[in-house]
Amino acid sequence: MTTSFVLLSDTHLPKRAKDLPAALWDDIDAADLVVHAGDWVDLATLDAVSGRARRFVGVRGNNDGPEFTDRLPLVARTTVEGLRFAVVHETGAATGRERRAAAAYPDVDVLVFGHSHIPWDSVAEDGLRLLNPGSPTDRRRQPDHTWMRGTVDGRRLDVEIVRLPPR
């Protein structure tokens, strides 16, 4: 069986945009799993994304207020076709990230994180895959708004970065 997924983070609605890009909503509607790595900013976005997702996993980030505490954890875990995922918002500085993540999450195959707004796809020495989808609404110093989509088939993970140029 193949499981399709969407990874997003740092949506910062309604501060950075009024809504998510239409292409991202299309991906959310089509995916078997939607994962959000924090910094929602408003509960309406959480309700909209989780309400449209067939299966949803999310965490809260450093910009999410106390109203998120009862709704989302700081760390979430799920298994997709035998691959063990963890989701967090922050992982610290880019330097040494793989080593720190592998030490902090030794029982995980894939770590999804956010915070930097910089798309990231790397593999630690122990095989841990680290994925940051960037931000679909607040590109900061990046050339494009981004999120990730992909599939898990057995234990095979395929991921692509979706790039949406600024409007």
Protein backbone atom coordinates (compact mmCIF):
# COMPACT_ATOMS: atom_id res chain seq x y z
CA MET A 1 0.00 0.00 0.00
CA THR A 2 1.21 3.53 -0.74
CA THR A 3 0.49 6.41 1.64
CA SER A 4 0.61 9.96 0.27
CA PHE A 5 1.46 12.83 2.60
CA VAL A 6 1.88 16.58 2.86
CA LEU A 7 4.36 18.24 5.22
CA LEU A 8 3.95 21.89 6.15
CA SER A 9 5.06 24.25 8.87
CA ASP A 10 5.23 27.89 9.87
CA THR A 11 1.94 28.95 8.34
CA HIS A 12 1.69 32.04 10.58
CA LEU A 13 -1.89 32.81 9.56
CA PRO A 14 -3.33 35.39 9.44
CA LYS A 15 -0.18 37.44 10.09
CA ARG A 16 1.84 36.41 7.01
CA ALA A 17 -1.03 35.60 4.65
CA LYS A 18 -4.82 35.49 4.69
CA ASP A 19 -4.97 31.83 3.62
CA LEU A 20 -2.84 28.92 2.51
CA PRO A 21 -2.06 28.74 -1.22
CA ALA A 22 -4.77 27.02 -3.29
CA ALA A 23 -2.25 24.44 -4.55
CA LEU A 24 -1.45 23.48 -0.95
CA TRP A 25 -5.16 23.06 -0.15
CA ASP A 26 -5.38 20.78 -3.19
CA ASP A 27 -2.46 18.73 -1.86
CA ILE A 28 -4.05 18.57 1.62
CA ASP A 29 -7.34 17.37 0.14
CA ALA A 30 -5.58 14.66 -1.88
CA ALA A 31 -3.19 13.37 0.81
CA ASP A 32 -3.69 10.36 3.05
CA LEU A 33 -1.72 12.12 5.82
CA VAL A 34 -1.09 15.79 6.64
CA VAL A 35 1.73 16.73 9.03
CA HIS A 36 2.20 20.27 10.40
CA ALA A 37 5.38 21.08 12.33
CA GLY A 38 4.10 24.08 14.29
CA ASP A 39 3.76 27.85 14.26
CA TRP A 40 0.14 27.98 13.23
CA VAL A 41 -0.55 31.24 15.14
CA ASP A 42 -4.35 30.89 14.99
CA LEU A 43 -6.67 28.04 15.86
CA ALA A 44 -8.82 28.59 12.77
CA THR A 45 -5.97 27.30 10.61
CA LEU A 46 -5.53 24.25 12.83
CA ASP A 47 -9.26 23.54 12.59
CA ALA A 48 -9.31 24.02 8.81
CA VAL A 49 -6.26 21.84 8.11
CA SER A 50 -7.15 19.07 10.55
CA GLY A 51 -10.77 19.17 9.36
CA ARG A 52 -9.81 18.60 5.73
CA ALA A 53 -7.09 16.04 6.38
CA ARG A 54 -7.93 12.34 6.18
CA ARG A 55 -5.30 11.74 8.87
CA PHE A 56 -3.59 14.56 10.73
CA VAL A 57 -0.48 14.86 12.91
CA GLY A 58 0.62 18.23 14.28
CA VAL A 59 2.60 20.01 16.97
CA ARG A 60 2.67 23.50 18.37
CA GLY A 61 5.53 25.92 17.83
CA ASN A 62 7.15 28.85 19.62
CA ASN A 63 4.64 31.35 18.13
CA ASP A 64 1.58 29.34 19.16
CA GLY A 65 -0.14 30.74 22.23
CA PRO A 66 -1.52 28.97 25.29
CA GLU A 67 -4.75 28.12 23.44
CA PHE A 68 -2.74 25.46 21.55
CA THR A 69 -1.50 23.69 24.69
CA ASP A 70 -4.57 21.48 25.10
CA ARG A 71 -4.83 20.83 21.36
CA LEU A 72 -1.30 19.95 20.24
CA PRO A 73 1.81 18.41 21.81
CA LEU A 74 5.37 19.68 21.48
CA VAL A 75 6.40 16.32 20.01
CA ALA A 76 4.14 13.98 18.03
CA ARG A 77 4.89 10.47 16.84
CA THR A 78 3.24 8.27 14.25
CA THR A 79 4.06 5.25 12.14
CA VAL A 80 3.41 5.19 8.39
CA GLU A 81 3.82 1.86 6.65
CA GLY A 82 6.45 0.79 9.16
CA LEU A 83 8.41 4.06 9.12
CA ARG A 84 8.52 5.75 12.51
CA PHE A 85 8.00 9.53 12.33
CA ALA A 86 8.51 12.19 14.98
CA VAL A 87 7.36 15.79 14.52
CA VAL A 88 8.78 18.77 16.42
CA HIS A 89 9.00 22.48 15.78
CA GLU A 90 12.57 23.38 16.68
CA THR A 91 15.83 21.45 16.31
CA GLY A 92 18.35 24.20 16.99
CA ALA A 93 21.15 25.46 14.76
CA ALA A 94 21.81 23.88 11.37
CA THR A 95 25.37 23.02 12.37
CA GLY A 96 25.31 19.62 14.06
CA ARG A 97 21.57 19.16 13.49
CA GLU A 98 21.81 15.58 12.20
CA ARG A 99 23.97 14.47 15.14
CA ARG A 100 21.72 16.13 17.74
CA ALA A 101 18.53 14.81 16.15
CA ALA A 102 19.88 11.26 15.94
CA ALA A 103 20.80 11.40 19.63
CA ALA A 104 17.44 12.90 20.65
CA TYR A 105 15.31 10.55 18.49
CA PRO A 106 17.15 7.20 18.34
CA ASP A 107 13.92 5.24 17.82
CA VAL A 108 12.73 7.26 14.79
CA ASP A 109 13.27 6.87 11.04
CA VAL A 110 12.03 10.34 9.98
CA LEU A 111 12.09 13.64 11.88
CA VAL A 112 9.86 16.43 10.55
CA PHE A 113 10.64 19.90 11.90
CA GLY A 114 10.01 23.56 11.17
CA HIS A 115 10.98 26.92 12.69
CA SER A 116 13.68 28.07 10.24
CA HIS A 117 11.38 28.47 7.19
CA ILE A 118 14.22 26.88 5.21
CA PRO A 119 13.47 23.66 3.31
CA TRP A 120 15.74 20.88 4.53
CA ASP A 121 16.22 17.26 3.50
CA SER A 122 19.21 15.41 4.95
CA VAL A 123 20.16 12.07 6.43
CA ALA A 124 22.07 11.55 9.68
CA GLU A 125 24.88 9.00 9.93
CA ASP A 126 22.52 6.52 11.59
CA GLY A 127 20.02 6.82 8.70
CA LEU A 128 17.56 9.26 10.36
CA ARG A 129 15.94 11.37 7.62
CA LEU A 130 15.41 15.04 8.58
CA LEU A 131 12.75 17.03 6.72
CA ASN A 132 11.76 20.67 7.03
CA PRO A 133 9.07 21.77 4.56
CA GLY A 134 9.87 25.49 4.89
CA SER A 135 6.86 27.81 4.90
CA PRO A 136 4.02 28.17 2.41
CA THR A 137 3.24 31.72 3.57
CA ASP A 138 6.42 33.30 5.01
CA ARG A 139 9.44 32.62 2.84
CA ARG A 140 11.70 35.02 4.75
CA ARG A 141 15.00 35.02 2.84
CA GLN A 142 14.07 32.01 0.69
CA PRO A 143 13.26 32.51 -3.00
CA ASP A 144 9.94 30.62 -2.83
CA HIS A 145 7.11 29.62 -0.53
CA THR A 146 7.46 25.89 0.11
CA TRP A 147 5.93 22.71 1.49
CA MET A 148 6.66 19.05 0.90
CA ARG A 149 4.62 16.21 -0.51
CA GLY A 150 5.52 12.62 -1.00
CA THR A 151 4.73 8.98 -0.53
CA VAL A 152 5.64 6.09 1.70
CA ASP A 153 5.52 2.72 -0.03
CA GLY A 154 6.59 -0.06 2.28
CA ARG A 155 9.60 1.50 3.96
CA ARG A 156 10.50 3.60 0.91
CA LEU A 157 10.09 7.35 1.44
CA ASP A 158 9.91 9.67 -1.57
CA VAL A 159 9.74 13.42 -0.93
CA GLU A 160 9.59 16.48 -3.15
CA ILE A 161 9.75 20.15 -2.23
CA VAL A 162 6.89 22.13 -3.75
CA ARG A 163 8.01 25.65 -4.63
CA LEU A 164 5.53 28.46 -5.16
CA PRO A 165 7.06 31.76 -6.32
CA PRO A 166 6.03 34.89 -4.43
CA ARG A 167 2.91 36.64 -5.69
